[in-house]
């Protein structure tokens, strides 16, 4: 059972499929339903990633070597599933941040011009007042 411990990215990212493939149908249905509960879904996915391999090992008919190989494959598959998710998050952040930054730069340029105009007007007023 030592090989059944450890975090499994396959159980984290593909919980219902992971449990269904290992004939743990109760966990498969529970995981699927909990994915629709905001807040609970993320916590449950983490719990599945932490304990999923141990839960599956209890009912597995695979030898230790076969089970370890299967878990390595699921782990690789889960990591591969995380790559597009991270890229999507980065893309969304950039899609929001870049236009916001551009708007900030444009606004700061206008404010700088207004400050310079105001300073010029003050200088002219001061020169005019000293001339009188």
N, C-alpha and C. Protein backbone atom coordinates (compact mmCIF):
# COMPACT_ATOMS: atom_id res chain seq x y z
N UNK A 1 0.81 -1.21 0.00
CA UNK A 1 0.00 0.00 0.00
C UNK A 1 0.85 1.26 0.00
N UNK A 2 2.15 1.12 0.19
CA UNK A 2 3.01 2.29 0.21
C UNK A 2 2.95 3.05 -1.11
N UNK A 3 2.83 2.32 -2.24
CA UNK A 3 2.81 2.97 -3.54
C UNK A 3 1.49 3.69 -3.83
N UNK A 4 0.49 3.50 -2.99
CA UNK A 4 -0.81 4.13 -3.21
C UNK A 4 -0.88 5.53 -2.61
N UNK A 5 0.10 5.87 -1.82
CA UNK A 5 0.06 7.18 -1.19
C UNK A 5 0.68 8.21 -2.10
N UNK A 6 0.38 9.47 -1.81
CA UNK A 6 0.95 10.56 -2.59
C UNK A 6 -0.12 11.27 -3.40
N UNK A 7 0.22 12.47 -3.75
CA UNK A 7 -0.72 13.30 -4.50
C UNK A 7 -0.85 12.79 -5.92
N UNK A 8 -2.08 12.76 -6.44
CA UNK A 8 -2.31 12.30 -7.80
C UNK A 8 -3.05 13.37 -8.58
N UNK A 9 -2.37 13.94 -9.59
CA UNK A 9 -2.97 15.00 -10.39
C UNK A 9 -4.12 14.49 -11.25
N UNK A 10 -4.12 13.22 -11.58
CA UNK A 10 -5.23 12.63 -12.34
C UNK A 10 -6.52 12.68 -11.53
N UNK A 11 -6.43 12.34 -10.26
CA UNK A 11 -7.60 12.40 -9.38
C UNK A 11 -8.03 13.84 -9.15
N UNK A 12 -7.06 14.76 -9.12
CA UNK A 12 -7.37 16.18 -8.93
C UNK A 12 -8.13 16.75 -10.13
N UNK A 13 -7.62 16.52 -11.33
CA UNK A 13 -8.18 17.17 -12.51
C UNK A 13 -9.31 16.39 -13.19
N UNK A 14 -9.31 15.08 -13.03
CA UNK A 14 -10.31 14.25 -13.72
C UNK A 14 -10.99 13.30 -12.74
N UNK A 15 -11.40 13.82 -11.59
CA UNK A 15 -11.94 12.99 -10.53
C UNK A 15 -13.01 11.98 -10.94
N UNK A 16 -14.11 12.43 -11.56
CA UNK A 16 -15.15 11.45 -11.92
C UNK A 16 -14.63 10.37 -12.87
N UNK A 17 -13.82 10.74 -13.83
CA UNK A 17 -13.27 9.76 -14.79
C UNK A 17 -12.31 8.82 -14.07
N UNK A 18 -11.48 9.39 -13.21
CA UNK A 18 -10.51 8.61 -12.43
C UNK A 18 -11.22 7.53 -11.61
N UNK A 19 -12.24 7.95 -10.86
CA UNK A 19 -12.95 6.99 -10.01
C UNK A 19 -13.78 6.00 -10.83
N UNK A 20 -14.39 6.47 -11.91
CA UNK A 20 -15.15 5.57 -12.77
C UNK A 20 -14.26 4.51 -13.42
N UNK A 21 -13.07 4.91 -13.86
CA UNK A 21 -12.14 3.97 -14.47
C UNK A 21 -11.67 2.90 -13.49
N UNK A 22 -11.70 3.22 -12.21
CA UNK A 22 -11.28 2.26 -11.18
C UNK A 22 -12.48 1.63 -10.46
N UNK A 23 -13.64 1.76 -11.05
CA UNK A 23 -14.88 1.13 -10.56
C UNK A 23 -15.27 1.55 -9.15
N UNK A 24 -14.99 2.81 -8.82
CA UNK A 24 -15.43 3.38 -7.54
C UNK A 24 -16.58 4.33 -7.88
N UNK A 25 -17.74 3.74 -8.19
CA UNK A 25 -18.86 4.50 -8.75
C UNK A 25 -19.48 5.48 -7.75
N UNK A 26 -19.48 5.14 -6.46
CA UNK A 26 -19.99 6.07 -5.46
C UNK A 26 -19.16 7.34 -5.42
N UNK A 27 -17.85 7.18 -5.42
CA UNK A 27 -16.95 8.34 -5.45
C UNK A 27 -17.08 9.10 -6.77
N UNK A 28 -17.31 8.37 -7.85
CA UNK A 28 -17.47 9.01 -9.15
C UNK A 28 -18.68 9.94 -9.15
N UNK A 29 -19.81 9.43 -8.66
CA UNK A 29 -21.05 10.24 -8.63
C UNK A 29 -20.91 11.39 -7.64
N UNK A 30 -20.35 11.11 -6.47
CA UNK A 30 -20.18 12.17 -5.46
C UNK A 30 -19.27 13.28 -5.99
N UNK A 31 -18.19 12.90 -6.64
CA UNK A 31 -17.26 13.89 -7.19
C UNK A 31 -17.94 14.71 -8.27
N UNK A 32 -18.68 14.03 -9.15
CA UNK A 32 -19.38 14.75 -10.22
C UNK A 32 -20.36 15.76 -9.64
N UNK A 33 -21.14 15.35 -8.65
CA UNK A 33 -22.14 16.26 -8.07
C UNK A 33 -21.50 17.41 -7.30
N UNK A 34 -20.42 17.12 -6.58
CA UNK A 34 -19.76 18.17 -5.80
C UNK A 34 -19.06 19.20 -6.67
N UNK A 35 -18.81 18.88 -7.92
CA UNK A 35 -18.20 19.85 -8.83
C UNK A 35 -19.12 21.04 -9.11
N UNK A 36 -20.41 20.88 -8.82
CA UNK A 36 -21.39 21.94 -9.07
C UNK A 36 -21.66 22.81 -7.84
N UNK A 37 -20.96 22.54 -6.74
CA UNK A 37 -21.15 23.31 -5.51
C UNK A 37 -19.98 24.28 -5.37
N UNK A 38 -20.23 25.58 -5.56
CA UNK A 38 -19.12 26.55 -5.49
C UNK A 38 -18.40 26.50 -4.14
N UNK A 39 -17.08 26.55 -4.20
CA UNK A 39 -16.27 26.52 -2.99
C UNK A 39 -15.95 25.10 -2.57
N UNK A 40 -16.97 24.27 -2.50
CA UNK A 40 -16.77 22.87 -2.12
C UNK A 40 -16.01 22.13 -3.23
N UNK A 41 -16.26 22.53 -4.48
CA UNK A 41 -15.64 21.83 -5.61
C UNK A 41 -14.11 21.86 -5.53
N UNK A 42 -13.54 23.01 -5.25
CA UNK A 42 -12.08 23.10 -5.19
C UNK A 42 -11.51 22.30 -4.02
N UNK A 43 -12.18 22.39 -2.89
CA UNK A 43 -11.72 21.64 -1.71
C UNK A 43 -11.81 20.14 -1.98
N UNK A 44 -12.93 19.72 -2.59
CA UNK A 44 -13.12 18.30 -2.87
C UNK A 44 -12.09 17.80 -3.89
N UNK A 45 -11.78 18.60 -4.91
CA UNK A 45 -10.76 18.21 -5.89
C UNK A 45 -9.41 18.02 -5.21
N UNK A 46 -9.07 18.91 -4.29
CA UNK A 46 -7.80 18.76 -3.56
C UNK A 46 -7.81 17.49 -2.70
N UNK A 47 -8.93 17.22 -2.06
CA UNK A 47 -9.04 15.99 -1.26
C UNK A 47 -8.88 14.77 -2.15
N UNK A 48 -9.50 14.80 -3.33
CA UNK A 48 -9.36 13.69 -4.28
C UNK A 48 -7.91 13.53 -4.71
N UNK A 49 -7.23 14.64 -4.98
CA UNK A 49 -5.82 14.57 -5.36
C UNK A 49 -4.96 13.98 -4.27
N UNK A 50 -5.28 14.32 -3.02
CA UNK A 50 -4.49 13.84 -1.88
C UNK A 50 -4.79 12.37 -1.57
N UNK A 51 -6.08 12.00 -1.56
CA UNK A 51 -6.47 10.67 -1.09
C UNK A 51 -6.98 9.74 -2.17
N UNK A 52 -7.16 10.23 -3.38
CA UNK A 52 -7.78 9.43 -4.44
C UNK A 52 -7.10 8.10 -4.70
N UNK A 53 -5.77 8.10 -4.80
CA UNK A 53 -5.05 6.85 -5.08
C UNK A 53 -5.24 5.84 -3.95
N UNK A 54 -5.25 6.31 -2.71
CA UNK A 54 -5.46 5.41 -1.57
C UNK A 54 -6.86 4.80 -1.60
N UNK A 55 -7.87 5.62 -1.92
CA UNK A 55 -9.24 5.12 -1.99
C UNK A 55 -9.39 4.07 -3.09
N UNK A 56 -8.73 4.31 -4.22
CA UNK A 56 -8.84 3.40 -5.35
C UNK A 56 -8.08 2.10 -5.06
N UNK A 57 -6.97 2.19 -4.37
CA UNK A 57 -6.14 1.00 -4.09
C UNK A 57 -6.90 -0.03 -3.26
N UNK A 58 -7.78 0.45 -2.40
CA UNK A 58 -8.53 -0.47 -1.53
C UNK A 58 -9.36 -1.47 -2.32
N UNK A 59 -9.88 -1.07 -3.48
CA UNK A 59 -10.74 -1.96 -4.26
C UNK A 59 -10.07 -2.45 -5.53
N UNK A 60 -8.79 -2.15 -5.72
CA UNK A 60 -8.10 -2.51 -6.95
C UNK A 60 -7.66 -3.97 -6.93
N UNK A 61 -7.78 -4.60 -8.08
CA UNK A 61 -7.32 -5.98 -8.22
C UNK A 61 -5.96 -6.04 -8.90
N UNK A 62 -5.36 -4.89 -9.14
CA UNK A 62 -4.06 -4.84 -9.81
C UNK A 62 -2.93 -5.19 -8.84
N UNK A 63 -1.85 -5.73 -9.39
CA UNK A 63 -0.66 -5.98 -8.56
C UNK A 63 -0.06 -4.62 -8.20
N UNK A 64 0.85 -4.64 -7.26
CA UNK A 64 1.49 -3.39 -6.83
C UNK A 64 2.18 -2.68 -8.00
N UNK A 65 2.88 -3.46 -8.84
CA UNK A 65 3.58 -2.87 -9.98
C UNK A 65 2.59 -2.27 -10.98
N UNK A 66 1.53 -3.01 -11.28
CA UNK A 66 0.53 -2.51 -12.23
C UNK A 66 -0.16 -1.26 -11.68
N UNK A 67 -0.47 -1.30 -10.40
CA UNK A 67 -1.15 -0.15 -9.80
C UNK A 67 -0.23 1.07 -9.80
N UNK A 68 1.03 0.88 -9.47
CA UNK A 68 1.98 2.00 -9.48
C UNK A 68 2.11 2.57 -10.88
N UNK A 69 2.19 1.71 -11.89
CA UNK A 69 2.27 2.16 -13.27
C UNK A 69 1.01 2.92 -13.69
N UNK A 70 -0.13 2.42 -13.27
CA UNK A 70 -1.40 3.08 -13.57
C UNK A 70 -1.46 4.47 -12.93
N UNK A 71 -1.03 4.57 -11.67
CA UNK A 71 -1.06 5.85 -10.98
C UNK A 71 -0.09 6.86 -11.62
N UNK A 72 1.06 6.36 -12.10
CA UNK A 72 2.00 7.25 -12.78
C UNK A 72 1.38 7.80 -14.06
N UNK A 73 0.66 6.95 -14.78
CA UNK A 73 0.00 7.38 -16.01
C UNK A 73 -1.09 8.40 -15.70
N UNK A 74 -1.90 8.13 -14.68
CA UNK A 74 -2.94 9.09 -14.29
C UNK A 74 -2.32 10.42 -13.83
N UNK A 75 -1.21 10.33 -13.12
CA UNK A 75 -0.54 11.53 -12.64
C UNK A 75 -0.05 12.37 -13.81
N UNK A 76 0.58 11.73 -14.81
CA UNK A 76 1.04 12.44 -16.01
C UNK A 76 -0.15 13.06 -16.75
N UNK A 77 -1.22 12.30 -16.90
CA UNK A 77 -2.40 12.82 -17.59
C UNK A 77 -2.99 14.03 -16.87
N UNK A 78 -3.01 13.98 -15.55
CA UNK A 78 -3.53 15.10 -14.77
C UNK A 78 -2.66 16.34 -14.91
N UNK A 79 -1.35 16.14 -14.93
CA UNK A 79 -0.44 17.28 -15.13
C UNK A 79 -0.63 17.89 -16.51
N UNK A 80 -0.82 17.04 -17.51
CA UNK A 80 -1.07 17.54 -18.86
C UNK A 80 -2.38 18.32 -18.92
N UNK A 81 -3.38 17.90 -18.15
CA UNK A 81 -4.66 18.62 -18.11
C UNK A 81 -4.52 19.98 -17.43
N UNK A 82 -3.56 20.13 -16.53
CA UNK A 82 -3.37 21.40 -15.84
C UNK A 82 -2.73 22.47 -16.73
N UNK A 83 -1.96 22.05 -17.71
CA UNK A 83 -1.27 23.02 -18.58
C UNK A 83 -2.26 23.96 -19.28
N UNK A 84 -3.28 23.45 -19.98
CA UNK A 84 -4.23 24.38 -20.61
C UNK A 84 -4.98 25.24 -19.59
N UNK A 85 -5.24 24.70 -18.42
CA UNK A 85 -5.93 25.48 -17.39
C UNK A 85 -5.07 26.67 -16.96
N UNK A 86 -3.78 26.42 -16.72
CA UNK A 86 -2.89 27.52 -16.33
C UNK A 86 -2.74 28.53 -17.46
N UNK A 87 -2.64 28.05 -18.69
CA UNK A 87 -2.53 28.96 -19.82
C UNK A 87 -3.79 29.81 -19.97
N UNK A 88 -4.95 29.22 -19.72
CA UNK A 88 -6.20 29.97 -19.79
C UNK A 88 -6.24 31.05 -18.72
N UNK A 89 -5.83 30.71 -17.51
CA UNK A 89 -5.82 31.70 -16.42
C UNK A 89 -4.86 32.84 -16.75
N UNK A 90 -3.68 32.51 -17.25
CA UNK A 90 -2.71 33.54 -17.62
C UNK A 90 -3.28 34.41 -18.74
N UNK A 91 -3.93 33.78 -19.72
CA UNK A 91 -4.53 34.54 -20.82
C UNK A 91 -5.61 35.49 -20.35
N UNK A 92 -6.44 35.03 -19.44
CA UNK A 92 -7.52 35.89 -18.91
C UNK A 92 -6.93 37.06 -18.13
N UNK A 93 -5.94 36.78 -17.30
CA UNK A 93 -5.31 37.85 -16.52
C UNK A 93 -4.69 38.88 -17.46
N UNK A 94 -3.98 38.42 -18.48
CA UNK A 94 -3.37 39.35 -19.43
C UNK A 94 -4.42 40.12 -20.23
N UNK A 95 -5.51 39.45 -20.59
CA UNK A 95 -6.57 40.11 -21.36
C UNK A 95 -7.22 41.23 -20.55
N UNK A 96 -7.22 41.10 -19.25
CA UNK A 96 -7.78 42.15 -18.39
C UNK A 96 -6.71 43.19 -18.05
N UNK A 97 -5.50 42.72 -17.75
CA UNK A 97 -4.45 43.62 -17.26
C UNK A 97 -3.89 44.54 -18.35
N UNK A 98 -3.68 44.03 -19.54
CA UNK A 98 -3.05 44.85 -20.58
C UNK A 98 -3.93 46.04 -20.97
N UNK A 99 -5.22 45.85 -21.28
CA UNK A 99 -6.03 47.03 -21.59
C UNK A 99 -6.14 47.99 -20.41
N UNK A 100 -6.21 47.47 -19.20
CA UNK A 100 -6.25 48.32 -18.02
C UNK A 100 -4.99 49.14 -17.88
N UNK A 101 -3.85 48.51 -18.12
CA UNK A 101 -2.58 49.23 -18.04
C UNK A 101 -2.47 50.28 -19.13
N UNK A 102 -2.92 49.94 -20.33
CA UNK A 102 -2.88 50.90 -21.44
C UNK A 102 -3.76 52.11 -21.13
N UNK A 103 -4.93 51.85 -20.57
CA UNK A 103 -5.83 52.94 -20.18
C UNK A 103 -5.18 53.81 -19.10
N UNK A 104 -4.53 53.18 -18.15
CA UNK A 104 -3.83 53.90 -17.08
C UNK A 104 -2.75 54.80 -17.68
N UNK A 105 -1.98 54.27 -18.61
CA UNK A 105 -0.91 55.05 -19.23
C UNK A 105 -1.48 56.24 -20.00
N UNK A 106 -2.56 56.02 -20.71
CA UNK A 106 -3.19 57.10 -21.48
C UNK A 106 -3.73 58.18 -20.55
N UNK A 107 -4.40 57.76 -19.49
CA UNK A 107 -4.93 58.72 -18.51
C UNK A 107 -3.81 59.50 -17.83
N UNK A 108 -2.72 58.83 -17.49
CA UNK A 108 -1.62 59.53 -16.82
C UNK A 108 -0.98 60.54 -17.77
N UNK A 109 -0.95 60.21 -19.08
CA UNK A 109 -0.40 61.15 -20.05
C UNK A 109 -1.27 62.42 -20.11
N UNK A 110 -2.61 62.24 -20.12
CA UNK A 110 -3.52 63.39 -20.14
C UNK A 110 -3.40 64.23 -18.86
N UNK A 111 -3.28 63.56 -17.75
CA UNK A 111 -3.15 64.27 -16.47
C UNK A 111 -1.84 65.06 -16.44
N UNK A 112 -0.77 64.45 -16.94
CA UNK A 112 0.52 65.13 -16.98
C UNK A 112 0.42 66.39 -17.85
N UNK A 113 -0.25 66.27 -19.01
CA UNK A 113 -0.43 67.43 -19.89
C UNK A 113 -1.24 68.53 -19.20
N UNK A 114 -2.29 68.16 -18.49
CA UNK A 114 -3.11 69.15 -17.78
C UNK A 114 -2.30 69.84 -16.68
N UNK A 115 -1.48 69.07 -15.98
CA UNK A 115 -0.65 69.67 -14.93
C UNK A 115 0.33 70.66 -15.54
N UNK A 116 0.93 70.26 -16.65
CA UNK A 116 1.88 71.17 -17.32
C UNK A 116 1.17 72.43 -17.80
N UNK A 117 -0.06 72.29 -18.35
CA UNK A 117 -0.83 73.46 -18.79
C UNK A 117 -1.13 74.37 -17.60
N UNK A 118 -1.53 73.77 -16.51
CA UNK A 118 -1.86 74.54 -15.31
C UNK A 118 -0.63 75.29 -14.80
N UNK A 119 0.52 74.61 -14.79
CA UNK A 119 1.76 75.26 -14.35
C UNK A 119 2.14 76.41 -15.27
N UNK A 120 1.93 76.21 -16.57
CA UNK A 120 2.23 77.27 -17.54
C UNK A 120 1.32 78.47 -17.30
N UNK A 121 0.04 78.22 -17.06
CA UNK A 121 -0.91 79.30 -16.79
C UNK A 121 -0.51 80.04 -15.52
N UNK A 122 -0.11 79.32 -14.50
CA UNK A 122 0.31 79.95 -13.25
C UNK A 122 1.55 80.82 -13.46
N UNK A 123 2.49 80.32 -14.26
CA UNK A 123 3.71 81.09 -14.53
C UNK A 123 3.36 82.39 -15.27
N UNK A 124 2.47 82.28 -16.26
CA UNK A 124 2.06 83.47 -17.01
C UNK A 124 1.36 84.47 -16.08
N UNK A 125 0.46 83.97 -15.23
CA UNK A 125 -0.23 84.84 -14.26
C UNK A 125 0.75 85.52 -13.33
N UNK A 126 1.75 84.76 -12.84
CA UNK A 126 2.75 85.34 -11.94
C UNK A 126 3.58 86.41 -12.67
N UNK A 127 3.95 86.14 -13.90
CA UNK A 127 4.73 87.11 -14.67
C UNK A 127 3.89 88.38 -14.93
N UNK A 128 2.61 88.15 -15.22
CA UNK A 128 1.71 89.27 -15.47
C UNK A 128 1.52 90.11 -14.20
N UNK A 129 1.38 89.45 -13.05
CA UNK A 129 1.22 90.16 -11.79
C UNK A 129 2.49 90.91 -11.41
N UNK A 130 3.66 90.36 -11.67
CA UNK A 130 4.91 91.05 -11.37
C UNK A 130 5.13 92.24 -12.32
N UNK A 131 4.61 92.13 -13.51
CA UNK A 131 4.79 93.21 -14.49
C UNK A 131 3.95 94.43 -14.11
N UNK A 132 2.89 94.24 -13.42
CA UNK A 132 2.01 95.37 -13.04
C UNK A 132 2.55 96.05 -11.90
